[in-house]
Amino acid sequence: MKITVHEDKCCGAGSCVMAAPDVFDQRDEDGIVVLLDPSPGDERLDAVREAASVCPALAIELGETP
């Protein structure tokens, strides 16, 4: 799975961090999403999908790994 975060879309809601804290974090200064693990293991994929689906700004894009 390829994970892309669009910082310019992020509104700093923190939903992604709550859903997948091992994969996403937020910058201290403005709350913008930070991708901690661009290649999470299979055990985290459901949490990553959840994080993308609950993002109010649609700032997390999931795709197939090339």
PDB file of N, CA and C in Angstrom:
ATOM      1  N   MET A   1       0.842  -1.173   0.000  1.00  0.00           N
ATOM      2  CA  MET A   1       0.000   0.000   0.000  1.00  0.00           C
ATOM      3  C   MET A   1       0.890   1.241   0.000  1.00  0.00           C
ATOM      4  N   LYS A   2       0.546   2.181  -0.856  1.00  0.00           N
ATOM      5  CA  LYS A   2       1.257   3.450  -0.907  1.00  0.00           C
ATOM      6  C   LYS A   2       0.426   4.484  -0.158  1.00  0.00           C
ATOM      7  N   ILE A   3       1.041   5.176   0.778  1.00  0.00           N
ATOM      8  CA  ILE A   3       0.362   6.207   1.567  1.00  0.00           C
ATOM      9  C   ILE A   3       0.921   7.558   1.162  1.00  0.00           C
ATOM     10  N   THR A   4       0.026   8.459   0.789  1.00  0.00           N
ATOM     11  CA  THR A   4       0.424   9.823   0.454  1.00  0.00           C
ATOM     12  C   THR A   4      -0.354  10.766   1.366  1.00  0.00           C
ATOM     13  N   VAL A   5       0.354  11.685   2.003  1.00  0.00           N
ATOM     14  CA  VAL A   5      -0.331  12.704   2.801  1.00  0.00           C
ATOM     15  C   VAL A   5      -0.207  14.039   2.078  1.00  0.00           C
ATOM     16  N   HIS A   6      -1.304  14.750   2.033  1.00  0.00           N
ATOM     17  CA  HIS A   6      -1.351  16.060   1.385  1.00  0.00           C
ATOM     18  C   HIS A   6      -1.408  17.117   2.479  1.00  0.00           C
ATOM     19  N   GLU A   7      -0.233  17.620   2.834  1.00  0.00           N
ATOM     20  CA  GLU A   7      -0.151  18.595   3.916  1.00  0.00           C
ATOM     21  C   GLU A   7      -0.982  19.836   3.633  1.00  0.00           C
ATOM     22  N   ASP A   8      -1.095  20.212   2.372  1.00  0.00           N
ATOM     23  CA  ASP A   8      -1.837  21.415   2.013  1.00  0.00           C
ATOM     24  C   ASP A   8      -3.338  21.249   2.236  1.00  0.00           C
ATOM     25  N   LYS A   9      -3.831  20.028   2.311  1.00  0.00           N
ATOM     26  CA  LYS A   9      -5.249  19.773   2.566  1.00  0.00           C
ATOM     27  C   LYS A   9      -5.550  19.583   4.051  1.00  0.00           C
ATOM     28  N   CYS A  10      -4.543  19.197   4.829  1.00  0.00           N
ATOM     29  CA  CYS A  10      -4.731  18.837   6.229  1.00  0.00           C
ATOM     30  C   CYS A  10      -5.266  20.014   7.036  1.00  0.00           C
ATOM     31  N   CYS A  11      -6.287  19.723   7.847  1.00  0.00           N
ATOM     32  CA  CYS A  11      -6.880  20.762   8.696  1.00  0.00           C
ATOM     33  C   CYS A  11      -6.486  20.588  10.164  1.00  0.00           C
ATOM     34  N   GLY A  12      -5.662  19.580  10.464  1.00  0.00           N
ATOM     35  CA  GLY A  12      -5.162  19.393  11.815  1.00  0.00           C
ATOM     36  C   GLY A  12      -6.154  18.793  12.791  1.00  0.00           C
ATOM     37  N   ALA A  13      -7.139  18.064  12.305  1.00  0.00           N
ATOM     38  CA  ALA A  13      -8.159  17.483  13.178  1.00  0.00           C
ATOM     39  C   ALA A  13      -7.598  16.390  14.085  1.00  0.00           C
ATOM     40  N   GLY A  14      -6.576  15.683  13.644  1.00  0.00           N
ATOM     41  CA  GLY A  14      -5.952  14.648  14.450  1.00  0.00           C
ATOM     42  C   GLY A  14      -6.635  13.294  14.409  1.00  0.00           C
ATOM     43  N   SER A  15      -7.630  13.136  13.569  1.00  0.00           N
ATOM     44  CA  SER A  15      -8.337  11.862  13.463  1.00  0.00           C
ATOM     45  C   SER A  15      -7.414  10.736  13.026  1.00  0.00           C
ATOM     46  N   CYS A  16      -6.480  11.042  12.154  1.00  0.00           N
ATOM     47  CA  CYS A  16      -5.556  10.030  11.665  1.00  0.00           C
ATOM     48  C   CYS A  16      -4.655   9.511  12.783  1.00  0.00           C
ATOM     49  N   VAL A  17      -4.228  10.407  13.644  1.00  0.00           N
ATOM     50  CA  VAL A  17      -3.355  10.029  14.751  1.00  0.00           C
ATOM     51  C   VAL A  17      -4.105   9.128  15.728  1.00  0.00           C
ATOM     52  N   MET A  18      -5.360   9.434  15.961  1.00  0.00           N
ATOM     53  CA  MET A  18      -6.159   8.619  16.875  1.00  0.00           C
ATOM     54  C   MET A  18      -6.407   7.225  16.289  1.00  0.00           C
ATOM     55  N   ALA A  19      -6.570   7.139  14.968  1.00  0.00           N
ATOM     56  CA  ALA A  19      -6.850   5.858  14.319  1.00  0.00           C
ATOM     57  C   ALA A  19      -5.595   5.011  14.124  1.00  0.00           C
ATOM     58  N   ALA A  20      -4.477   5.650  13.818  1.00  0.00           N
ATOM     59  CA  ALA A  20      -3.233   4.914  13.531  1.00  0.00           C
ATOM     60  C   ALA A  20      -2.021   5.681  14.080  1.00  0.00           C
ATOM     61  N   PRO A  21      -1.862   5.705  15.397  1.00  0.00           N
ATOM     62  CA  PRO A  21      -0.792   6.499  16.001  1.00  0.00           C
ATOM     63  C   PRO A  21       0.626   6.029  15.688  1.00  0.00           C
ATOM     64  N   ASP A  22       0.790   4.804  15.241  1.00  0.00           N
ATOM     65  CA  ASP A  22       2.116   4.317  14.867  1.00  0.00           C
ATOM     66  C   ASP A  22       2.503   4.718  13.452  1.00  0.00           C
ATOM     67  N   VAL A  23       1.522   5.220  12.700  1.00  0.00           N
ATOM     68  CA  VAL A  23       1.760   5.566  11.298  1.00  0.00           C
ATOM     69  C   VAL A  23       1.706   7.083  11.077  1.00  0.00           C
ATOM     70  N   PHE A  24       0.838   7.765  11.833  1.00  0.00           N
ATOM     71  CA  PHE A  24       0.666   9.210  11.647  1.00  0.00           C
ATOM     72  C   PHE A  24       0.925   9.970  12.940  1.00  0.00           C
ATOM     73  N   ASP A  25       1.400  11.199  12.796  1.00  0.00           N
ATOM     74  CA  ASP A  25       1.562  12.120  13.917  1.00  0.00           C
ATOM     75  C   ASP A  25       1.205  13.502  13.400  1.00  0.00           C
ATOM     76  N   GLN A  26       1.329  14.491  14.269  1.00  0.00           N
ATOM     77  CA  GLN A  26       1.054  15.870  13.890  1.00  0.00           C
ATOM     78  C   GLN A  26       2.226  16.742  14.293  1.00  0.00           C
ATOM     79  N   ARG A  27       2.509  17.744  13.456  1.00  0.00           N
ATOM     80  CA  ARG A  27       3.561  18.698  13.805  1.00  0.00           C
ATOM     81  C   ARG A  27       3.106  19.519  15.003  1.00  0.00           C
ATOM     82  N   ASP A  28       4.020  19.775  15.910  1.00  0.00           N
ATOM     83  CA  ASP A  28       3.692  20.532  17.111  1.00  0.00           C
ATOM     84  C   ASP A  28       3.256  21.962  16.805  1.00  0.00           C
ATOM     85  N   GLU A  29       3.897  22.588  15.833  1.00  0.00           N
ATOM     86  CA  GLU A  29       3.650  24.003  15.594  1.00  0.00           C
ATOM     87  C   GLU A  29       2.302  24.315  14.937  1.00  0.00           C
ATOM     88  N   ASP A  30       1.773  23.372  14.128  1.00  0.00           N
ATOM     89  CA  ASP A  30       0.517  23.698  13.436  1.00  0.00           C
ATOM     90  C   ASP A  30      -0.467  22.534  13.329  1.00  0.00           C
ATOM     91  N   GLY A  31      -0.110  21.366  13.838  1.00  0.00           N
ATOM     92  CA  GLY A  31      -1.031  20.232  13.832  1.00  0.00           C
ATOM     93  C   GLY A  31      -1.158  19.499  12.512  1.00  0.00           C
ATOM     94  N   ILE A  32      -0.343  19.850  11.533  1.00  0.00           N
ATOM     95  CA  ILE A  32      -0.412  19.222  10.208  1.00  0.00           C
ATOM     96  C   ILE A  32       0.120  17.786  10.289  1.00  0.00           C
ATOM     97  N   VAL A  33      -0.518  16.907   9.541  1.00  0.00           N
ATOM     98  CA  VAL A  33      -0.180  15.481   9.546  1.00  0.00           C
ATOM     99  C   VAL A  33       1.269  15.229   9.140  1.00  0.00           C
ATOM    100  N   VAL A  34       1.870  14.238   9.811  1.00  0.00           N
ATOM    101  CA  VAL A  34       3.213  13.776   9.501  1.00  0.00           C
ATOM    102  C   VAL A  34       3.129  12.261   9.332  1.00  0.00           C
ATOM    103  N   LEU A  35       3.678  11.761   8.246  1.00  0.00           N
ATOM    104  CA  LEU A  35       3.701  10.323   7.994  1.00  0.00           C
ATOM    105  C   LEU A  35       4.931   9.725   8.675  1.00  0.00           C
ATOM    106  N   LEU A  36       4.711   8.928   9.705  1.00  0.00           N
ATOM    107  CA  LEU A  36       5.811   8.316  10.449  1.00  0.00           C
ATOM    108  C   LEU A  36       6.318   7.041   9.793  1.00  0.00           C
ATOM    109  N   ASP A  37       5.411   6.283   9.201  1.00  0.00           N
ATOM    110  CA  ASP A  37       5.770   4.976   8.642  1.00  0.00           C
ATOM    111  C   ASP A  37       5.148   4.831   7.254  1.00  0.00           C
ATOM    112  N   PRO A  38       5.916   5.088   6.196  1.00  0.00           N
ATOM    113  CA  PRO A  38       5.375   5.009   4.844  1.00  0.00           C
ATOM    114  C   PRO A  38       5.101   3.583   4.369  1.00  0.00           C
ATOM    115  N   SER A  39       5.612   2.598   5.098  1.00  0.00           N
ATOM    116  CA  SER A  39       5.416   1.190   4.728  1.00  0.00           C
ATOM    117  C   SER A  39       4.992   0.373   5.949  1.00  0.00           C
ATOM    118  N   PRO A  40       3.802   0.633   6.483  1.00  0.00           N
ATOM    119  CA  PRO A  40       3.374  -0.099   7.674  1.00  0.00           C
ATOM    120  C   PRO A  40       3.135  -1.577   7.361  1.00  0.00           C
ATOM    121  N   GLY A  41       3.314  -2.412   8.364  1.00  0.00           N
ATOM    122  CA  GLY A  41       3.087  -3.842   8.198  1.00  0.00           C
ATOM    123  C   GLY A  41       1.617  -4.154   8.013  1.00  0.00           C
ATOM    124  N   ASP A  42       1.355  -5.375   7.598  1.00  0.00           N
ATOM    125  CA  ASP A  42      -0.020  -5.809   7.334  1.00  0.00           C
ATOM    126  C   ASP A  42      -0.930  -5.637   8.545  1.00  0.00           C
ATOM    127  N   GLU A  43      -0.375  -5.762   9.747  1.00  0.00           N
ATOM    128  CA  GLU A  43      -1.183  -5.642  10.950  1.00  0.00           C
ATOM    129  C   GLU A  43      -1.701  -4.220  11.180  1.00  0.00           C
ATOM    130  N   ARG A  44      -1.142  -3.247  10.471  1.00  0.00           N
ATOM    131  CA  ARG A  44      -1.568  -1.844  10.632  1.00  0.00           C
ATOM    132  C   ARG A  44      -2.427  -1.350   9.473  1.00  0.00           C
ATOM    133  N   LEU A  45      -2.620  -2.140   8.454  1.00  0.00           N
ATOM    134  CA  LEU A  45      -3.328  -1.669   7.259  1.00  0.00           C
ATOM    135  C   LEU A  45      -4.776  -1.289   7.541  1.00  0.00           C
ATOM    136  N   ASP A  46      -5.463  -2.035   8.381  1.00  0.00           N
ATOM    137  CA  ASP A  46      -6.843  -1.679   8.712  1.00  0.00           C
ATOM    138  C   ASP A  46      -6.900  -0.322   9.408  1.00  0.00           C
ATOM    139  N   ALA A  47      -5.952  -0.058  10.304  1.00  0.00           N
ATOM    140  CA  ALA A  47      -5.909   1.227  11.000  1.00  0.00           C
ATOM    141  C   ALA A  47      -5.607   2.362  10.031  1.00  0.00           C
ATOM    142  N   VAL A  48      -4.730   2.113   9.061  1.00  0.00           N
ATOM    143  CA  VAL A  48      -4.399   3.133   8.059  1.00  0.00           C
ATOM    144  C   VAL A  48      -5.621   3.434   7.197  1.00  0.00           C
ATOM    145  N   ARG A  49      -6.342   2.406   6.794  1.00  0.00           N
ATOM    146  CA  ARG A  49      -7.566   2.621   6.005  1.00  0.00           C
ATOM    147  C   ARG A  49      -8.588   3.426   6.809  1.00  0.00           C
ATOM    148  N   GLU A  50      -8.702   3.097   8.088  1.00  0.00           N
ATOM    149  CA  GLU A  50      -9.612   3.837   8.976  1.00  0.00           C
ATOM    150  C   GLU A  50      -9.201   5.302   9.064  1.00  0.00           C
ATOM    151  N   ALA A  51      -7.899   5.553   9.236  1.00  0.00           N
ATOM    152  CA  ALA A  51      -7.391   6.920   9.323  1.00  0.00           C
ATOM    153  C   ALA A  51      -7.732   7.713   8.070  1.00  0.00           C
ATOM    154  N   ALA A  52      -7.553   7.106   6.913  1.00  0.00           N
ATOM    155  CA  ALA A  52      -7.872   7.792   5.656  1.00  0.00           C
ATOM    156  C   ALA A  52      -9.364   8.060   5.546  1.00  0.00           C
ATOM    157  N   SER A  53     -10.177   7.119   5.990  1.00  0.00           N
ATOM    158  CA  SER A  53     -11.626   7.273   5.836  1.00  0.00           C
ATOM    159  C   SER A  53     -12.211   8.304   6.801  1.00  0.00           C
ATOM    160  N   VAL A  54     -11.583   8.523   7.958  1.00  0.00           N
ATOM    161  CA  VAL A  54     -12.129   9.484   8.920  1.00  0.00           C
ATOM    162  C   VAL A  54     -11.534  10.880   8.768  1.00  0.00           C
ATOM    163  N   CYS A  55     -10.577  11.046   7.892  1.00  0.00           N
ATOM    164  CA  CYS A  55      -9.967  12.363   7.694  1.00  0.00           C
ATOM    165  C   CYS A  55     -10.989  13.328   7.101  1.00  0.00           C
ATOM    166  N   PRO A  56     -11.348  14.392   7.833  1.00  0.00           N
ATOM    167  CA  PRO A  56     -12.360  15.316   7.327  1.00  0.00           C
ATOM    168  C   PRO A  56     -11.907  16.114   6.102  1.00  0.00           C
ATOM    169  N   ALA A  57     -10.600  16.232   5.909  1.00  0.00           N
ATOM    170  CA  ALA A  57     -10.069  17.015   4.789  1.00  0.00           C
ATOM    171  C   ALA A  57      -9.630  16.144   3.614  1.00  0.00           C
ATOM    172  N   LEU A  58      -9.772  14.822   3.755  1.00  0.00           N
ATOM    173  CA  LEU A  58      -9.329  13.890   2.715  1.00  0.00           C
ATOM    174  C   LEU A  58      -7.862  14.112   2.354  1.00  0.00           C
ATOM    175  N   ALA A  59      -7.043  14.306   3.387  1.00  0.00           N
ATOM    176  CA  ALA A  59      -5.630  14.604   3.196  1.00  0.00           C
ATOM    177  C   ALA A  59      -4.759  13.358   3.087  1.00  0.00           C
ATOM    178  N   ILE A  60      -5.354  12.177   3.292  1.00  0.00           N
ATOM    179  CA  ILE A  60      -4.603  10.924   3.214  1.00  0.00           C
ATOM    180  C   ILE A  60      -5.097  10.131   2.021  1.00  0.00           C
ATOM    181  N   GLU A  61      -4.180   9.811   1.135  1.00  0.00           N
ATOM    182  CA  GLU A  61      -4.520   9.060  -0.073  1.00  0.00           C
ATOM    183  C   GLU A  61      -3.838   7.700  -0.011  1.00  0.00           C
ATOM    184  N   LEU A  62      -4.619   6.663  -0.268  1.00  0.00           N
ATOM    185  CA  LEU A  62      -4.096   5.306  -0.280  1.00  0.00           C
ATOM    186  C   LEU A  62      -4.122   4.773  -1.699  1.00  0.00           C
ATOM    187  N   GLY A  63      -3.072   4.076  -2.060  1.00  0.00           N
ATOM    188  CA  GLY A  63      -3.001   3.495  -3.394  1.00  0.00           C
ATOM    189  C   GLY A  63      -2.220   2.197  -3.363  1.00  0.00           C
ATOM    190  N   GLU A  64      -2.139   1.581  -4.504  1.00  0.00           N
ATOM    191  CA  GLU A  64      -1.397   0.342  -4.646  1.00  0.00           C
ATOM    192  C   GLU A  64       0.089   0.658  -4.776  1.00  0.00           C
ATOM    193  N   THR A  65       0.916  -0.183  -4.198  1.00  0.00           N
ATOM    194  CA  THR A  65       2.356  -0.038  -4.333  1.00  0.00           C
ATOM    195  C   THR A  65       2.743  -0.458  -5.757  1.00  0.00           C
ATOM    196  N   PRO A  66       3.513   0.396  -6.431  1.00  0.00           N
ATOM    197  CA  PRO A  66       3.888   0.064  -7.812  1.00  0.00           C
ATOM    198  C   PRO A  66       4.748  -1.159  -7.916  1.00  0.00           C
TER     199      PRO A  66
END
